[in-house]
Amino acid sequence: MKRLKSSWNMVKGYLISAVFFGVVIGVFLNGVLSMSDRMDREGAETLRSAIARASVQCYAIEGRYPPSVQYLEENYGIRIDRERFHVFYEGFASNIMPDITVISNLEE
């Protein structure tokens, strides 16, 4: 009888340890995913700001906003990681600031 009780206590201890370990792993993974998501959002905002600054610089130097993001890449040093981000650049006229949207590929 004592032996059965002792075995049950040992199994119960293993189960409690396994559940605790699972909870710790779950909290850790949640934190890592949350941080990764935040970094992607911040990276997209940083890229959007860089494109906007380069567009304003182009306007100040050339008297017009750039016709495309490719123009900024070729002439103003903008680098876009197209595997991580989609960039939407919509210019209405050469004297009106274009609408710039950057979306992380992981948000899809």
C-alpha atoms as a PDB file:
ATOM      1  CA  MET A   1       0.000   0.000   0.000  1.00  0.00           C
ATOM      2  CA  LYS A   2       2.848   2.363   0.910  1.00  0.00           C
ATOM      3  CA  ARG A   3       4.592   1.475  -2.313  1.00  0.00           C
ATOM      4  CA  LEU A   4       1.481   2.327  -4.388  1.00  0.00           C
ATOM      5  CA  LYS A   5       1.120   5.644  -2.577  1.00  0.00           C
ATOM      6  CA  SER A   6       4.788   6.411  -3.131  1.00  0.00           C
ATOM      7  CA  SER A   7       4.479   5.619  -6.875  1.00  0.00           C
ATOM      8  CA  TRP A   8       1.404   7.831  -7.170  1.00  0.00           C
ATOM      9  CA  ASN A   9       3.217  10.738  -5.463  1.00  0.00           C
ATOM     10  CA  MET A  10       6.129  10.313  -7.859  1.00  0.00           C
ATOM     11  CA  VAL A  11       3.810  10.326 -10.912  1.00  0.00           C
ATOM     12  CA  LYS A  12       1.967  13.339  -9.517  1.00  0.00           C
ATOM     13  CA  GLY A  13       5.300  15.137  -9.085  1.00  0.00           C
ATOM     14  CA  TYR A  14       6.280  14.383 -12.685  1.00  0.00           C
ATOM     15  CA  LEU A  15       2.915  15.621 -13.957  1.00  0.00           C
ATOM     16  CA  ILE A  16       3.173  18.850 -11.988  1.00  0.00           C
ATOM     17  CA  SER A  17       6.718  19.382 -13.288  1.00  0.00           C
ATOM     18  CA  ALA A  18       5.635  18.700 -16.882  1.00  0.00           C
ATOM     19  CA  VAL A  19       2.694  21.111 -16.630  1.00  0.00           C
ATOM     20  CA  PHE A  20       4.897  23.795 -15.069  1.00  0.00           C
ATOM     21  CA  PHE A  21       7.526  23.292 -17.784  1.00  0.00           C
ATOM     22  CA  GLY A  22       4.831  23.553 -20.467  1.00  0.00           C
ATOM     23  CA  VAL A  23       3.524  26.801 -18.978  1.00  0.00           C
ATOM     24  CA  VAL A  24       7.032  28.269 -18.843  1.00  0.00           C
ATOM     25  CA  ILE A  25       7.686  27.296 -22.474  1.00  0.00           C
ATOM     26  CA  GLY A  26       4.312  28.777 -23.500  1.00  0.00           C
ATOM     27  CA  VAL A  27       5.025  32.083 -21.764  1.00  0.00           C
ATOM     28  CA  PHE A  28       8.489  32.208 -23.339  1.00  0.00           C
ATOM     29  CA  LEU A  29       7.179  31.536 -26.859  1.00  0.00           C
ATOM     30  CA  ASN A  30       4.428  34.114 -26.423  1.00  0.00           C
ATOM     31  CA  GLY A  31       7.033  36.699 -25.422  1.00  0.00           C
ATOM     32  CA  VAL A  32       9.275  35.884 -28.371  1.00  0.00           C
ATOM     33  CA  LEU A  33       6.393  36.097 -30.851  1.00  0.00           C
ATOM     34  CA  SER A  34       5.167  39.342 -29.331  1.00  0.00           C
ATOM     35  CA  MET A  35       8.636  40.880 -29.561  1.00  0.00           C
ATOM     36  CA  SER A  36       9.027  39.698 -33.157  1.00  0.00           C
ATOM     37  CA  ASP A  37       5.682  41.230 -34.107  1.00  0.00           C
ATOM     38  CA  ARG A  38       6.606  44.536 -32.469  1.00  0.00           C
ATOM     39  CA  MET A  39       9.978  44.587 -34.243  1.00  0.00           C
ATOM     40  CA  ASP A  40       8.276  44.023 -37.620  1.00  0.00           C
ATOM     41  CA  ARG A  41       5.873  46.908 -36.969  1.00  0.00           C
ATOM     42  CA  GLU A  42       8.721  49.187 -35.916  1.00  0.00           C
ATOM     43  CA  GLY A  43      10.779  48.130 -38.938  1.00  0.00           C
ATOM     44  CA  ALA A  44       7.888  48.966 -41.261  1.00  0.00           C
ATOM     45  CA  GLU A  45       7.457  52.388 -39.640  1.00  0.00           C
ATOM     46  CA  THR A  46      11.194  53.081 -39.845  1.00  0.00           C
ATOM     47  CA  LEU A  47      11.212  52.188 -43.549  1.00  0.00           C
ATOM     48  CA  ARG A  48       8.141  54.370 -44.178  1.00  0.00           C
ATOM     49  CA  SER A  49       9.858  57.309 -42.442  1.00  0.00           C
ATOM     50  CA  ALA A  50      13.053  56.795 -44.447  1.00  0.00           C
ATOM     51  CA  ILE A  51      11.104  56.773 -47.714  1.00  0.00           C
ATOM     52  CA  ALA A  52       9.229  59.928 -46.674  1.00  0.00           C
ATOM     53  CA  ARG A  53      12.491  61.708 -45.745  1.00  0.00           C
ATOM     54  CA  ALA A  54      14.102  60.694 -49.041  1.00  0.00           C
ATOM     55  CA  SER A  55      11.017  61.929 -50.909  1.00  0.00           C
ATOM     56  CA  VAL A  56      11.219  65.318 -49.201  1.00  0.00           C
ATOM     57  CA  GLN A  57      14.950  65.463 -49.890  1.00  0.00           C
ATOM     58  CA  CYS A  58      14.261  64.716 -53.562  1.00  0.00           C
ATOM     59  CA  TYR A  59      11.643  67.492 -53.629  1.00  0.00           C
ATOM     60  CA  ALA A  60      14.093  69.964 -52.061  1.00  0.00           C
ATOM     61  CA  ILE A  61      16.877  69.077 -54.502  1.00  0.00           C
ATOM     62  CA  GLU A  62      14.959  68.438 -57.733  1.00  0.00           C
ATOM     63  CA  GLY A  63      11.789  70.484 -57.229  1.00  0.00           C
ATOM     64  CA  ARG A  64       9.514  67.438 -57.537  1.00  0.00           C
ATOM     65  CA  TYR A  65       8.661  64.354 -55.572  1.00  0.00           C
ATOM     66  CA  PRO A  66      10.132  61.114 -56.932  1.00  0.00           C
ATOM     67  CA  PRO A  67       7.985  59.214 -59.413  1.00  0.00           C
ATOM     68  CA  SER A  68       8.528  55.850 -57.684  1.00  0.00           C
ATOM     69  CA  VAL A  69      10.256  54.021 -54.870  1.00  0.00           C
ATOM     70  CA  GLN A  70      12.642  52.539 -57.443  1.00  0.00           C
ATOM     71  CA  TYR A  71      13.797  56.096 -58.208  1.00  0.00           C
ATOM     72  CA  LEU A  72      14.585  56.578 -54.514  1.00  0.00           C
ATOM     73  CA  GLU A  73      16.459  53.281 -54.434  1.00  0.00           C
ATOM     74  CA  GLU A  74      18.549  54.231 -57.466  1.00  0.00           C
ATOM     75  CA  ASN A  75      19.263  57.860 -56.525  1.00  0.00           C
ATOM     76  CA  TYR A  76      18.777  58.371 -52.785  1.00  0.00           C
ATOM     77  CA  GLY A  77      20.152  55.237 -51.124  1.00  0.00           C
ATOM     78  CA  ILE A  78      16.879  53.704 -49.969  1.00  0.00           C
ATOM     79  CA  ARG A  79      17.171  49.932 -49.427  1.00  0.00           C
ATOM     80  CA  ILE A  80      14.036  47.796 -49.171  1.00  0.00           C
ATOM     81  CA  ASP A  81      14.040  44.201 -47.988  1.00  0.00           C
ATOM     82  CA  ARG A  82      11.274  43.017 -50.292  1.00  0.00           C
ATOM     83  CA  GLU A  83      11.129  39.651 -48.541  1.00  0.00           C
ATOM     84  CA  ARG A  84      10.071  41.428 -45.337  1.00  0.00           C
ATOM     85  CA  PHE A  85       8.070  44.436 -46.573  1.00  0.00           C
ATOM     86  CA  HIS A  86       5.560  45.495 -49.210  1.00  0.00           C
ATOM     87  CA  VAL A  87       5.841  49.172 -50.124  1.00  0.00           C
ATOM     88  CA  PHE A  88       2.940  51.073 -51.681  1.00  0.00           C
ATOM     89  CA  TYR A  89       3.957  54.459 -53.062  1.00  0.00           C
ATOM     90  CA  GLU A  90       1.194  56.502 -54.652  1.00  0.00           C
ATOM     91  CA  GLY A  91       2.014  59.919 -56.032  1.00  0.00           C
ATOM     92  CA  PHE A  92      -0.810  62.118 -57.272  1.00  0.00           C
ATOM     93  CA  ALA A  93       1.310  64.888 -58.763  1.00  0.00           C
ATOM     94  CA  SER A  94       4.982  65.812 -58.728  1.00  0.00           C
ATOM     95  CA  ASN A  95       4.350  68.684 -56.311  1.00  0.00           C
ATOM     96  CA  ILE A  96       2.186  66.772 -53.779  1.00  0.00           C
ATOM     97  CA  MET A  97       3.683  64.485 -51.162  1.00  0.00           C
ATOM     98  CA  PRO A  98       2.994  60.876 -52.158  1.00  0.00           C
ATOM     99  CA  ASP A  99       1.058  58.479 -49.961  1.00  0.00           C
ATOM    100  CA  ILE A 100       3.515  55.919 -48.567  1.00  0.00           C
ATOM    101  CA  THR A 101       2.378  52.669 -46.961  1.00  0.00           C
ATOM    102  CA  VAL A 102       4.708  49.929 -45.745  1.00  0.00           C
ATOM    103  CA  ILE A 103       3.333  46.585 -44.651  1.00  0.00           C
ATOM    104  CA  SER A 104       5.301  43.760 -43.134  1.00  0.00           C
ATOM    105  CA  ASN A 105       4.976  40.483 -45.057  1.00  0.00           C
ATOM    106  CA  LEU A 106       4.376  38.763 -41.722  1.00  0.00           C
ATOM    107  CA  GLU A 107       1.152  40.748 -41.186  1.00  0.00           C
ATOM    108  CA  GLU A 108      -0.559  38.984 -44.061  1.00  0.00           C
END
